[in-house]
Amino acid sequence: MLNHTLDQLLVLEAIERCGTFARAAGELHRVPSAVSYAVRTMESQLGVQLFERLGNRAALTPAGRRLLESAREVLAQARSLERVAGEIRDGWEPELQVVVDGVFPMVPLAAALRVFTEQRVPTRVRLDVEYQEGVPERWTADRAALMLILDFDPEDDPLCIQPLPDLEMVLVVAPGHPLAGQTGGAGLADGALDDHFELVVKDSSPRYARRPKKPFTGGGHVIYLSDFHSKRLAALGGVGFGWLPEHLVVDDLAAGRLLPLDAGNGGRWTYHPKLVCRAGEPLGRAATLFATALVGSAPTWEG
């Protein structure tokens, strides 16, 4: 059982700040006798003397000063609790979780997050990066508010979908790689990739932890990496060939550090990304703000 109340801690803090019981009473809009009673009660409950009276002033005893330090910590937590409760009442979620496929460019995501800092949004934002089937699995398991996913065909759950700009993938290889000599003309011959290592970002779904998914080109020589930045560095190092998002390698292609490969489809692949939320579950203020900042206007959800 606690031997003090928040009200008593407020009185203790006010007296120390104001210097006298009378001034503290005025600040707290109470009569001086009520302030004195609060101090006496607290001293009795805690079994320590909190103040020494020096003329008209009240000075904290060493024990009182140490207790005031703890009192301020408790009051700060209580004020934080009231502030958080007010934010929730105003429609701000305690936390916003967004699950993103790691192939997405970071620039528009960072721009959306910057809105949160500029507006001092109280919601804590959690951005989880997954790959391929790991995206909807994490979104479902965590009951996250939003997910940014590549081509997506919902099965049973009623969802709301906002199309996003197309995302271009490019098949690339370094100039020093054996395949670099086959980048011109009408495209690679059938089986030209079979003897070379394909660089693949591993699907982050737990289902593929031990037995990875078959690579895009279907070759037998594969090097799995954890993210596209590592994949780009491996490609630049001449380790193998692979598909990379155009936004990540546009400068490398322009400078000749990477070369496009034509594997029969022009060496390009287009994804049609989606921003997804659950139908029938209204988004909170933070989720709505994030979606609007990412899209550039209020989303026109398709359900």
C-alpha atoms as a PDB file:
ATOM      1  CA  MET A   1       0.000   0.000   0.000  1.00  0.00           C
ATOM      2  CA  LEU A   2       1.382   3.426  -0.963  1.00  0.00           C
ATOM      3  CA  ASN A   3       2.072   5.882   1.856  1.00  0.00           C
ATOM      4  CA  HIS A   4       1.668   8.955  -0.323  1.00  0.00           C
ATOM      5  CA  THR A   5      -0.577  10.396  -3.025  1.00  0.00           C
ATOM      6  CA  LEU A   6       0.080  12.358  -6.204  1.00  0.00           C
ATOM      7  CA  ASP A   7      -1.594  15.333  -4.553  1.00  0.00           C
ATOM      8  CA  GLN A   8       0.913  15.241  -1.699  1.00  0.00           C
ATOM      9  CA  LEU A   9       3.786  15.054  -4.183  1.00  0.00           C
ATOM     10  CA  LEU A  10       2.398  18.095  -5.991  1.00  0.00           C
ATOM     11  CA  VAL A  11       2.326  19.978  -2.685  1.00  0.00           C
ATOM     12  CA  LEU A  12       5.911  18.949  -1.925  1.00  0.00           C
ATOM     13  CA  GLU A  13       7.094  20.147  -5.337  1.00  0.00           C
ATOM     14  CA  ALA A  14       5.180  23.443  -5.078  1.00  0.00           C
ATOM     15  CA  ILE A  15       6.593  24.324  -1.650  1.00  0.00           C
ATOM     16  CA  GLU A  16      10.159  23.706  -2.779  1.00  0.00           C
ATOM     17  CA  ARG A  17       9.632  25.816  -5.903  1.00  0.00           C
ATOM     18  CA  CYS A  18       7.763  28.679  -4.166  1.00  0.00           C
ATOM     19  CA  GLY A  19       9.829  28.763  -0.986  1.00  0.00           C
ATOM     20  CA  THR A  20       6.934  29.108   1.508  1.00  0.00           C
ATOM     21  CA  PHE A  21       3.779  27.245   2.414  1.00  0.00           C
ATOM     22  CA  ALA A  22       1.716  30.375   1.783  1.00  0.00           C
ATOM     23  CA  ARG A  23       3.032  30.937  -1.748  1.00  0.00           C
ATOM     24  CA  ALA A  24       2.597  27.252  -2.567  1.00  0.00           C
ATOM     25  CA  ALA A  25      -0.983  27.450  -1.321  1.00  0.00           C
ATOM     26  CA  GLY A  26      -1.603  30.420  -3.591  1.00  0.00           C
ATOM     27  CA  GLU A  27      -0.179  28.625  -6.624  1.00  0.00           C
ATOM     28  CA  LEU A  28      -2.277  25.538  -5.879  1.00  0.00           C
ATOM     29  CA  HIS A  29      -5.389  27.648  -5.162  1.00  0.00           C
ATOM     30  CA  ARG A  30      -5.693  26.289  -1.622  1.00  0.00           C
ATOM     31  CA  VAL A  31      -5.688  27.714   1.878  1.00  0.00           C
ATOM     32  CA  PRO A  32      -2.330  27.480   3.714  1.00  0.00           C
ATOM     33  CA  SER A  33      -3.792  25.137   6.339  1.00  0.00           C
ATOM     34  CA  ALA A  34      -4.585  22.572   3.608  1.00  0.00           C
ATOM     35  CA  VAL A  35      -0.979  22.664   2.399  1.00  0.00           C
ATOM     36  CA  SER A  36       0.338  22.273   5.958  1.00  0.00           C
ATOM     37  CA  TYR A  37      -2.028  19.355   6.545  1.00  0.00           C
ATOM     38  CA  ALA A  38      -0.807  17.608   3.367  1.00  0.00           C
ATOM     39  CA  VAL A  39       2.818  17.948   4.507  1.00  0.00           C
ATOM     40  CA  ARG A  40       2.117  16.722   8.045  1.00  0.00           C
ATOM     41  CA  THR A  41       0.173  13.741   6.708  1.00  0.00           C
ATOM     42  CA  MET A  42       2.944  12.831   4.307  1.00  0.00           C
ATOM     43  CA  GLU A  43       5.624  13.143   6.997  1.00  0.00           C
ATOM     44  CA  SER A  44       3.568  10.901   9.277  1.00  0.00           C
ATOM     45  CA  GLN A  45       2.959   8.309   6.578  1.00  0.00           C
ATOM     46  CA  LEU A  46       6.592   8.190   5.424  1.00  0.00           C
ATOM     47  CA  GLY A  47       8.098   8.537   8.894  1.00  0.00           C
ATOM     48  CA  VAL A  48      10.529  11.315   7.911  1.00  0.00           C
ATOM     49  CA  GLN A  49      10.704  15.087   8.370  1.00  0.00           C
ATOM     50  CA  LEU A  50      10.464  16.860   5.035  1.00  0.00           C
ATOM     51  CA  PHE A  51      10.864  20.559   5.882  1.00  0.00           C
ATOM     52  CA  GLU A  52      12.593  22.848   8.338  1.00  0.00           C
ATOM     53  CA  ARG A  53      11.030  26.261   8.853  1.00  0.00           C
ATOM     54  CA  LEU A  54      13.558  29.100   8.661  1.00  0.00           C
ATOM     55  CA  GLY A  55      11.593  32.227   9.497  1.00  0.00           C
ATOM     56  CA  ASN A  56       8.944  32.605   6.839  1.00  0.00           C
ATOM     57  CA  ARG A  57      10.658  30.160   4.516  1.00  0.00           C
ATOM     58  CA  ALA A  58      10.436  26.386   4.353  1.00  0.00           C
ATOM     59  CA  ALA A  59      13.666  24.534   3.602  1.00  0.00           C
ATOM     60  CA  LEU A  60      13.804  20.877   2.630  1.00  0.00           C
ATOM     61  CA  THR A  61      15.685  18.577   4.945  1.00  0.00           C
ATOM     62  CA  PRO A  62      18.270  16.255   3.304  1.00  0.00           C
ATOM     63  CA  ALA A  63      15.674  13.485   3.476  1.00  0.00           C
ATOM     64  CA  GLY A  64      13.057  15.809   1.998  1.00  0.00           C
ATOM     65  CA  ARG A  65      15.355  16.759  -0.888  1.00  0.00           C
ATOM     66  CA  ARG A  66      16.055  13.119  -1.717  1.00  0.00           C
ATOM     67  CA  LEU A  67      12.347  12.312  -1.624  1.00  0.00           C
ATOM     68  CA  LEU A  68      11.629  15.312  -3.853  1.00  0.00           C
ATOM     69  CA  GLU A  69      13.921  13.857  -6.544  1.00  0.00           C
ATOM     70  CA  SER A  70      11.844  10.680  -6.577  1.00  0.00           C
ATOM     71  CA  ALA A  71       8.617  12.695  -6.365  1.00  0.00           C
ATOM     72  CA  ARG A  72       9.545  14.576  -9.530  1.00  0.00           C
ATOM     73  CA  GLU A  73      10.135  11.299 -11.360  1.00  0.00           C
ATOM     74  CA  VAL A  74       6.706  10.031 -10.279  1.00  0.00           C
ATOM     75  CA  LEU A  75       5.014  13.293 -11.272  1.00  0.00           C
ATOM     76  CA  ALA A  76       6.738  13.249 -14.678  1.00  0.00           C
ATOM     77  CA  GLN A  77       5.386   9.743 -15.294  1.00  0.00           C
ATOM     78  CA  ALA A  78       1.911  10.783 -14.180  1.00  0.00           C
ATOM     79  CA  ARG A  79       1.957  13.816 -16.493  1.00  0.00           C
ATOM     80  CA  SER A  80       3.181  11.623 -19.325  1.00  0.00           C
ATOM     81  CA  LEU A  81       0.290   9.245 -18.650  1.00  0.00           C
ATOM     82  CA  GLU A  82      -2.201  12.104 -18.869  1.00  0.00           C
ATOM     83  CA  ARG A  83      -0.596  13.370 -22.077  1.00  0.00           C
ATOM     84  CA  VAL A  84      -0.733   9.932 -23.723  1.00  0.00           C
ATOM     85  CA  ALA A  85      -4.367   9.502 -22.678  1.00  0.00           C
ATOM     86  CA  GLY A  86      -5.171  12.863 -24.250  1.00  0.00           C
ATOM     87  CA  GLU A  87      -3.415  11.891 -27.474  1.00  0.00           C
ATOM     88  CA  ILE A  88      -5.401   8.661 -27.660  1.00  0.00           C
ATOM     89  CA  ARG A  89      -8.636  10.556 -27.028  1.00  0.00           C
ATOM     90  CA  ASP A  90      -7.681  12.825 -29.939  1.00  0.00           C
ATOM     91  CA  GLY A  91      -7.474   9.806 -32.251  1.00  0.00           C
ATOM     92  CA  TRP A  92      -3.699   9.269 -32.329  1.00  0.00           C
ATOM     93  CA  GLU A  93      -2.740   5.602 -32.143  1.00  0.00           C
ATOM     94  CA  PRO A  94      -0.183   4.619 -29.486  1.00  0.00           C
ATOM     95  CA  GLU A  95       1.787   2.870 -32.259  1.00  0.00           C
ATOM     96  CA  LEU A  96       1.605   2.679 -36.046  1.00  0.00           C
ATOM     97  CA  GLN A  97       3.138  -0.411 -37.634  1.00  0.00           C
ATOM     98  CA  VAL A  98       3.777  -0.443 -41.380  1.00  0.00           C
ATOM     99  CA  VAL A  99       5.176  -3.529 -43.115  1.00  0.00           C
ATOM    100  CA  VAL A 100       7.142  -2.756 -46.282  1.00  0.00           C
ATOM    101  CA  ASP A 101       8.702  -4.895 -48.981  1.00  0.00           C
ATOM    102  CA  GLY A 102      12.406  -4.042 -48.984  1.00  0.00           C
ATOM    103  CA  VAL A 103      12.418  -3.495 -52.731  1.00  0.00           C
ATOM    104  CA  PHE A 104      10.581  -0.171 -52.285  1.00  0.00           C
ATOM    105  CA  PRO A 105      12.534   3.076 -52.639  1.00  0.00           C
ATOM    106  CA  MET A 106      13.273   4.722 -49.325  1.00  0.00           C
ATOM    107  CA  VAL A 107      12.872   8.299 -50.570  1.00  0.00           C
ATOM    108  CA  PRO A 108       9.035   8.421 -50.551  1.00  0.00           C
ATOM    109  CA  LEU A 109       8.940   6.490 -47.274  1.00  0.00           C
ATOM    110  CA  ALA A 110      11.349   8.935 -45.675  1.00  0.00           C
ATOM    111  CA  ALA A 111       9.262  11.855 -46.979  1.00  0.00           C
ATOM    112  CA  ALA A 112       6.150  10.359 -45.364  1.00  0.00           C
ATOM    113  CA  LEU A 113       7.980   9.811 -42.076  1.00  0.00           C
ATOM    114  CA  ARG A 114       9.349  13.359 -42.154  1.00  0.00           C
ATOM    115  CA  VAL A 115       5.774  14.646 -41.975  1.00  0.00           C
ATOM    116  CA  PHE A 116       5.507  12.931 -38.589  1.00  0.00           C
ATOM    117  CA  THR A 117       8.557  14.749 -37.239  1.00  0.00           C
ATOM    118  CA  GLU A 118       7.510  18.086 -38.719  1.00  0.00           C
ATOM    119  CA  GLN A 119       4.043  17.830 -37.180  1.00  0.00           C
ATOM    120  CA  ARG A 120       5.357  16.304 -33.931  1.00  0.00           C
ATOM    121  CA  VAL A 121       2.917  13.416 -34.192  1.00  0.00           C
ATOM    122  CA  PRO A 122       2.841  11.606 -30.828  1.00  0.00           C
ATOM    123  CA  THR A 123       2.335   8.141 -32.333  1.00  0.00           C
ATOM    124  CA  ARG A 124       5.320   5.805 -32.281  1.00  0.00           C
ATOM    125  CA  VAL A 125       6.007   4.584 -35.815  1.00  0.00           C
ATOM    126  CA  ARG A 126       7.384   1.123 -36.507  1.00  0.00           C
ATOM    127  CA  LEU A 127       8.515   0.338 -40.055  1.00  0.00           C
ATOM    128  CA  ASP A 128       9.197  -3.371 -40.590  1.00  0.00           C
ATOM    129  CA  VAL A 129      11.020  -4.468 -43.752  1.00  0.00           C
ATOM    130  CA  GLU A 130      10.241  -7.914 -45.140  1.00  0.00           C
ATOM    131  CA  TYR A 131      10.580  -9.542 -48.548  1.00  0.00           C
ATOM    132  CA  GLN A 132       8.042 -11.164 -50.848  1.00  0.00           C
ATOM    133  CA  GLU A 133       5.677 -13.487 -48.942  1.00  0.00           C
ATOM    134  CA  GLY A 134       7.189 -12.378 -45.662  1.00  0.00           C
ATOM    135  CA  VAL A 135       5.352  -9.053 -46.074  1.00  0.00           C
ATOM    136  CA  PRO A 136       1.724 -10.286 -45.831  1.00  0.00           C
ATOM    137  CA  GLU A 137       2.692 -12.899 -43.243  1.00  0.00           C
ATOM    138  CA  ARG A 138       4.207 -10.290 -40.899  1.00  0.00           C
ATOM    139  CA  TRP A 139       1.304  -7.895 -41.564  1.00  0.00           C
ATOM    140  CA  THR A 140      -1.207 -10.600 -40.665  1.00  0.00           C
ATOM    141  CA  ALA A 141       0.687 -11.986 -37.668  1.00  0.00           C
ATOM    142  CA  ASP A 142       1.252  -8.549 -36.091  1.00  0.00           C
ATOM    143  CA  ARG A 143      -2.102  -7.063 -37.099  1.00  0.00           C
ATOM    144  CA  ALA A 144      -0.176  -4.122 -38.535  1.00  0.00           C
ATOM    145  CA  ALA A 145      -2.175  -1.181 -39.867  1.00  0.00           C
ATOM    146  CA  LEU A 146      -0.646  -0.876 -43.337  1.00  0.00           C
ATOM    147  CA  MET A 147       1.531  -2.815 -45.740  1.00  0.00           C
ATOM    148  CA  LEU A 148       3.326  -1.873 -48.934  1.00  0.00           C
ATOM    149  CA  ILE A 149       3.477  -4.915 -51.141  1.00  0.00           C
ATOM    150  CA  LEU A 150       4.259  -5.854 -54.738  1.00  0.00           C
ATOM    151  CA  ASP A 151       1.750  -7.529 -57.046  1.00  0.00           C
ATOM    152  CA  PHE A 152      -0.899  -8.747 -54.635  1.00  0.00           C
ATOM    153  CA  ASP A 153      -4.007 -10.853 -55.130  1.00  0.00           C
ATOM    154  CA  PRO A 154      -6.043 -10.990 -51.888  1.00  0.00           C
ATOM    155  CA  GLU A 155      -7.804 -14.263 -51.237  1.00  0.00           C
ATOM    156  CA  ASP A 156     -10.478 -14.137 -48.544  1.00  0.00           C
ATOM    157  CA  ASP A 157      -9.963 -11.135 -46.270  1.00  0.00           C
ATOM    158  CA  PRO A 158     -11.807  -7.970 -47.349  1.00  0.00           C
ATOM    159  CA  LEU A 159      -9.078  -5.397 -47.984  1.00  0.00           C
ATOM    160  CA  CYS A 160      -8.759  -1.823 -49.132  1.00  0.00           C
ATOM    161  CA  ILE A 161      -6.086  -1.237 -51.769  1.00  0.00           C
ATOM    162  CA  GLN A 162      -4.430   1.941 -53.014  1.00  0.00           C
ATOM    163  CA  PRO A 163      -2.355   1.473 -56.201  1.00  0.00           C
ATOM    164  CA  LEU A 164       1.131   2.975 -56.074  1.00  0.00           C
ATOM    165  CA  PRO A 165       3.494   3.990 -58.899  1.00  0.00           C
ATOM    166  CA  ASP A 166       4.923   1.115 -60.898  1.00  0.00           C
ATOM    167  CA  LEU A 167       8.268  -0.261 -59.795  1.00  0.00           C
ATOM    168  CA  GLU A 168      10.742  -1.231 -62.532  1.00  0.00           C
ATOM    169  CA  MET A 169      13.222  -4.065 -62.089  1.00  0.00           C
ATOM    170  CA  VAL A 170      16.336  -4.406 -64.265  1.00  0.00           C
ATOM    171  CA  LEU A 171      18.431  -7.501 -64.913  1.00  0.00           C
ATOM    172  CA  VAL A 172      22.077  -6.421 -64.503  1.00  0.00           C
ATOM    173  CA  VAL A 173      25.649  -7.643 -64.435  1.00  0.00           C
ATOM    174  CA  ALA A 174      29.037  -6.017 -63.864  1.00  0.00           C
ATOM    175  CA  PRO A 175      31.219  -5.108 -66.903  1.00  0.00           C
ATOM    176  CA  GLY A 176      33.899  -7.584 -65.848  1.00  0.00           C
ATOM    177  CA  HIS A 177      31.523 -10.553 -65.622  1.00  0.00           C
ATOM    178  CA  PRO A 178      31.601 -13.197 -68.430  1.00  0.00           C
ATOM    179  CA  LEU A 179      27.982 -12.394 -69.258  1.00  0.00           C
ATOM    180  CA  ALA A 180      28.888  -8.762 -69.960  1.00  0.00           C
ATOM    181  CA  GLY A 181      30.089  -9.747 -73.435  1.00  0.00           C
ATOM    182  CA  GLN A 182      26.592 -10.984 -74.247  1.00  0.00           C
ATOM    183  CA  THR A 183      24.682  -7.799 -73.412  1.00  0.00           C
ATOM    184  CA  GLY A 184      24.311  -6.573 -76.980  1.00  0.00           C
ATOM    185  CA  GLY A 185      22.285  -7.855 -79.878  1.00  0.00           C
ATOM    186  CA  ALA A 186      18.949  -9.601 -79.694  1.00  0.00           C
ATOM    187  CA  GLY A 187      19.317 -10.931 -76.186  1.00  0.00           C
ATOM    188  CA  LEU A 188      20.904 -13.851 -74.400  1.00  0.00           C
ATOM    189  CA  ALA A 189      20.714 -17.285 -75.937  1.00  0.00           C
ATOM    190  CA  ASP A 190      18.674 -19.957 -74.193  1.00  0.00           C
ATOM    191  CA  GLY A 191      20.620 -21.436 -71.296  1.00  0.00           C
ATOM    192  CA  ALA A 192      23.191 -18.614 -71.301  1.00  0.00           C
ATOM    193  CA  LEU A 193      22.547 -17.933 -67.612  1.00  0.00           C
ATOM    194  CA  ASP A 194      22.677 -21.537 -66.455  1.00  0.00           C
ATOM    195  CA  ASP A 195      26.406 -21.673 -65.729  1.00  0.00           C
ATOM    196  CA  HIS A 196      26.487 -18.414 -63.779  1.00  0.00           C
ATOM    197  CA  PHE A 197      25.468 -17.436 -60.263  1.00  0.00           C
ATOM    198  CA  GLU A 198      22.163 -15.637 -59.880  1.00  0.00           C
ATOM    199  CA  LEU A 199      21.961 -13.125 -57.018  1.00  0.00           C
ATOM    200  CA  VAL A 200      18.649 -13.422 -55.160  1.00  0.00           C
ATOM    201  CA  VAL A 201      17.176 -11.617 -52.152  1.00  0.00           C
ATOM    202  CA  LYS A 202      15.768 -14.354 -49.980  1.00  0.00           C
ATOM    203  CA  ASP A 203      12.034 -14.449 -49.283  1.00  0.00           C
ATOM    204  CA  SER A 204      11.735 -13.530 -45.591  1.00  0.00           C
ATOM    205  CA  SER A 205       8.756 -15.804 -44.932  1.00  0.00           C
ATOM    206  CA  PRO A 206       9.610 -18.385 -42.240  1.00  0.00           C
ATOM    207  CA  ARG A 207       8.400 -21.030 -44.689  1.00  0.00           C
ATOM    208  CA  TYR A 208      11.554 -20.504 -46.724  1.00  0.00           C
ATOM    209  CA  ALA A 209      14.015 -20.434 -43.837  1.00  0.00           C
ATOM    210  CA  ARG A 210      15.454 -23.871 -44.655  1.00  0.00           C
ATOM    211  CA  ARG A 211      14.393 -24.402 -48.253  1.00  0.00           C
ATOM    212  CA  PRO A 212      14.523 -21.128 -50.227  1.00  0.00           C
ATOM    213  CA  LYS A 213      12.070 -20.379 -52.981  1.00  0.00           C
ATOM    214  CA  LYS A 214      13.102 -21.158 -56.558  1.00  0.00           C
ATOM    215  CA  PRO A 215      14.865 -18.130 -58.134  1.00  0.00           C
ATOM    216  CA  PHE A 216      13.231 -15.998 -60.800  1.00  0.00           C
ATOM    217  CA  THR A 217      15.277 -17.291 -63.740  1.00  0.00           C
ATOM    218  CA  GLY A 218      15.199 -20.879 -62.505  1.00  0.00           C
ATOM    219  CA  GLY A 219      18.952 -21.450 -62.682  1.00  0.00           C
ATOM    220  CA  GLY A 220      20.720 -23.898 -60.399  1.00  0.00           C
ATOM    221  CA  HIS A 221      23.525 -21.633 -59.179  1.00  0.00           C
ATOM    222  CA  VAL A 222      22.178 -19.184 -56.631  1.00  0.00           C
ATOM    223  CA  ILE A 223      23.622 -16.870 -54.003  1.00  0.00           C
ATOM    224  CA  TYR A 224      21.002 -15.696 -51.495  1.00  0.00           C
ATOM    225  CA  LEU A 225      21.343 -12.308 -49.843  1.00  0.00           C
ATOM    226  CA  SER A 226      19.352 -10.587 -47.110  1.00  0.00           C
ATOM    227  CA  ASP A 227      18.573  -7.282 -48.864  1.00  0.00           C
ATOM    228  CA  PHE A 228      18.848  -5.374 -52.133  1.00  0.00           C
ATOM    229  CA  HIS A 229      21.701  -3.151 -50.999  1.00  0.00           C
ATOM    230  CA  SER A 230      23.841  -6.250 -50.402  1.00  0.00           C
ATOM    231  CA  LYS A 231      22.675  -7.639 -53.741  1.00  0.00           C
ATOM    232  CA  ARG A 232      23.739  -4.453 -55.526  1.00  0.00           C
ATOM    233  CA  LEU A 233      27.213  -4.605 -53.963  1.00  0.00           C
ATOM    234  CA  ALA A 234      27.562  -8.253 -54.962  1.00  0.00           C
ATOM    235  CA  ALA A 235      26.574  -7.386 -58.538  1.00  0.00           C
ATOM    236  CA  LEU A 236      29.065  -4.501 -58.632  1.00  0.00           C
ATOM    237  CA  GLY A 237      31.724  -6.934 -57.417  1.00  0.00           C
ATOM    238  CA  GLY A 238      31.131  -9.235 -60.375  1.00  0.00           C
ATOM    239  CA  VAL A 239      29.813 -12.084 -58.226  1.00  0.00           C
ATOM    240  CA  GLY A 240      26.846 -12.807 -60.469  1.00  0.00           C
ATOM    241  CA  PHE A 241      23.810 -11.420 -62.262  1.00  0.00           C
ATOM    242  CA  GLY A 242      20.473 -10.456 -60.789  1.00  0.00           C
ATOM    243  CA  TRP A 243      17.319  -8.351 -60.799  1.00  0.00           C
ATOM    244  CA  LEU A 244      17.601  -5.013 -59.012  1.00  0.00           C
ATOM    245  CA  PRO A 245      15.121  -2.134 -58.624  1.00  0.00           C
ATOM    246  CA  GLU A 246      15.887   0.539 -61.180  1.00  0.00           C
ATOM    247  CA  HIS A 247      15.828   3.300 -58.562  1.00  0.00           C
ATOM    248  CA  LEU A 248      18.723   1.596 -56.780  1.00  0.00           C
ATOM    249  CA  VAL A 249      20.995   1.173 -59.836  1.00  0.00           C
ATOM    250  CA  VAL A 250      20.058   4.069 -62.124  1.00  0.00           C
ATOM    251  CA  ASP A 251      23.363   5.841 -61.408  1.00  0.00           C
ATOM    252  CA  ASP A 252      25.343   2.596 -61.804  1.00  0.00           C
ATOM    253  CA  LEU A 253      23.772   1.980 -65.218  1.00  0.00           C
ATOM    254  CA  ALA A 254      24.415   5.547 -66.351  1.00  0.00           C
ATOM    255  CA  ALA A 255      28.074   5.329 -65.259  1.00  0.00           C
ATOM    256  CA  GLY A 256      28.599   1.879 -66.765  1.00  0.00           C
ATOM    257  CA  ARG A 257      29.333   0.249 -63.416  1.00  0.00           C
ATOM    258  CA  LEU A 258      26.509  -2.181 -64.200  1.00  0.00           C
ATOM    259  CA  LEU A 259      25.186  -3.313 -67.573  1.00  0.00           C
ATOM    260  CA  PRO A 260      21.641  -4.413 -68.471  1.00  0.00           C
ATOM    261  CA  LEU A 261      21.076  -8.004 -69.532  1.00  0.00           C
ATOM    262  CA  ASP A 262      18.391  -9.030 -71.999  1.00  0.00           C
ATOM    263  CA  ALA A 263      17.092 -12.454 -70.994  1.00  0.00           C
ATOM    264  CA  GLY A 264      14.354 -12.511 -73.610  1.00  0.00           C
ATOM    265  CA  ASN A 265      11.974  -9.982 -72.037  1.00  0.00           C
ATOM    266  CA  GLY A 266      14.079  -6.908 -72.588  1.00  0.00           C
ATOM    267  CA  GLY A 267      15.804  -7.398 -69.266  1.00  0.00           C
ATOM    268  CA  ARG A 268      13.055  -5.503 -67.472  1.00  0.00           C
ATOM    269  CA  TRP A 269      10.140  -6.427 -65.248  1.00  0.00           C
ATOM    270  CA  THR A 270       7.378  -4.169 -63.938  1.00  0.00           C
ATOM    271  CA  TYR A 271       5.692  -4.590 -60.565  1.00  0.00           C
ATOM    272  CA  HIS A 272       2.436  -2.876 -59.632  1.00  0.00           C
ATOM    273  CA  PRO A 273       2.794  -2.110 -55.901  1.00  0.00           C
ATOM    274  CA  LYS A 274      -0.110  -1.605 -53.520  1.00  0.00           C
ATOM    275  CA  LEU A 275      -0.717   0.122 -50.222  1.00  0.00           C
ATOM    276  CA  VAL A 276      -3.069  -2.156 -48.275  1.00  0.00           C
ATOM    277  CA  CYS A 277      -5.251  -1.879 -45.173  1.00  0.00           C
ATOM    278  CA  ARG A 278      -8.153  -3.925 -43.804  1.00  0.00           C
ATOM    279  CA  ALA A 279     -11.699  -3.168 -44.869  1.00  0.00           C
ATOM    280  CA  GLY A 280     -14.054  -2.456 -41.987  1.00  0.00           C
ATOM    281  CA  GLU A 281     -11.234  -1.291 -39.694  1.00  0.00           C
ATOM    282  CA  PRO A 282     -11.032   2.516 -39.876  1.00  0.00           C
ATOM    283  CA  LEU A 283      -7.510   3.849 -39.893  1.00  0.00           C
ATOM    284  CA  GLY A 284      -6.369   6.033 -37.016  1.00  0.00           C
ATOM    285  CA  ARG A 285      -5.026   9.541 -37.475  1.00  0.00           C
ATOM    286  CA  ALA A 286      -1.409   8.419 -37.777  1.00  0.00           C
ATOM    287  CA  ALA A 287      -2.131   5.696 -40.345  1.00  0.00           C
ATOM    288  CA  THR A 288      -4.260   8.109 -42.362  1.00  0.00           C
ATOM    289  CA  LEU A 289      -1.524  10.748 -42.225  1.00  0.00           C
ATOM    290  CA  PHE A 290       1.115   8.234 -43.356  1.00  0.00           C
ATOM    291  CA  ALA A 291      -1.025   6.975 -46.253  1.00  0.00           C
ATOM    292  CA  THR A 292      -1.830  10.516 -47.380  1.00  0.00           C
ATOM    293  CA  ALA A 293       1.797  11.625 -47.187  1.00  0.00           C
ATOM    294  CA  LEU A 294       2.962   8.563 -49.113  1.00  0.00           C
ATOM    295  CA  VAL A 295       0.364   8.853 -51.896  1.00  0.00           C
ATOM    296  CA  GLY A 296       0.543  12.641 -52.073  1.00  0.00           C
ATOM    297  CA  SER A 297      -3.188  13.061 -51.513  1.00  0.00           C
ATOM    298  CA  ALA A 298      -6.024  11.312 -49.706  1.00  0.00           C
ATOM    299  CA  PRO A 299      -5.955   7.657 -50.835  1.00  0.00           C
ATOM    300  CA  THR A 300      -8.766   6.443 -53.063  1.00  0.00           C
ATOM    301  CA  TRP A 301      -9.087   2.991 -51.574  1.00  0.00           C
ATOM    302  CA  GLU A 302     -10.310   0.186 -53.805  1.00  0.00           C
ATOM    303  CA  GLY A 303     -12.114  -2.593 -51.966  1.00  0.00           C
END
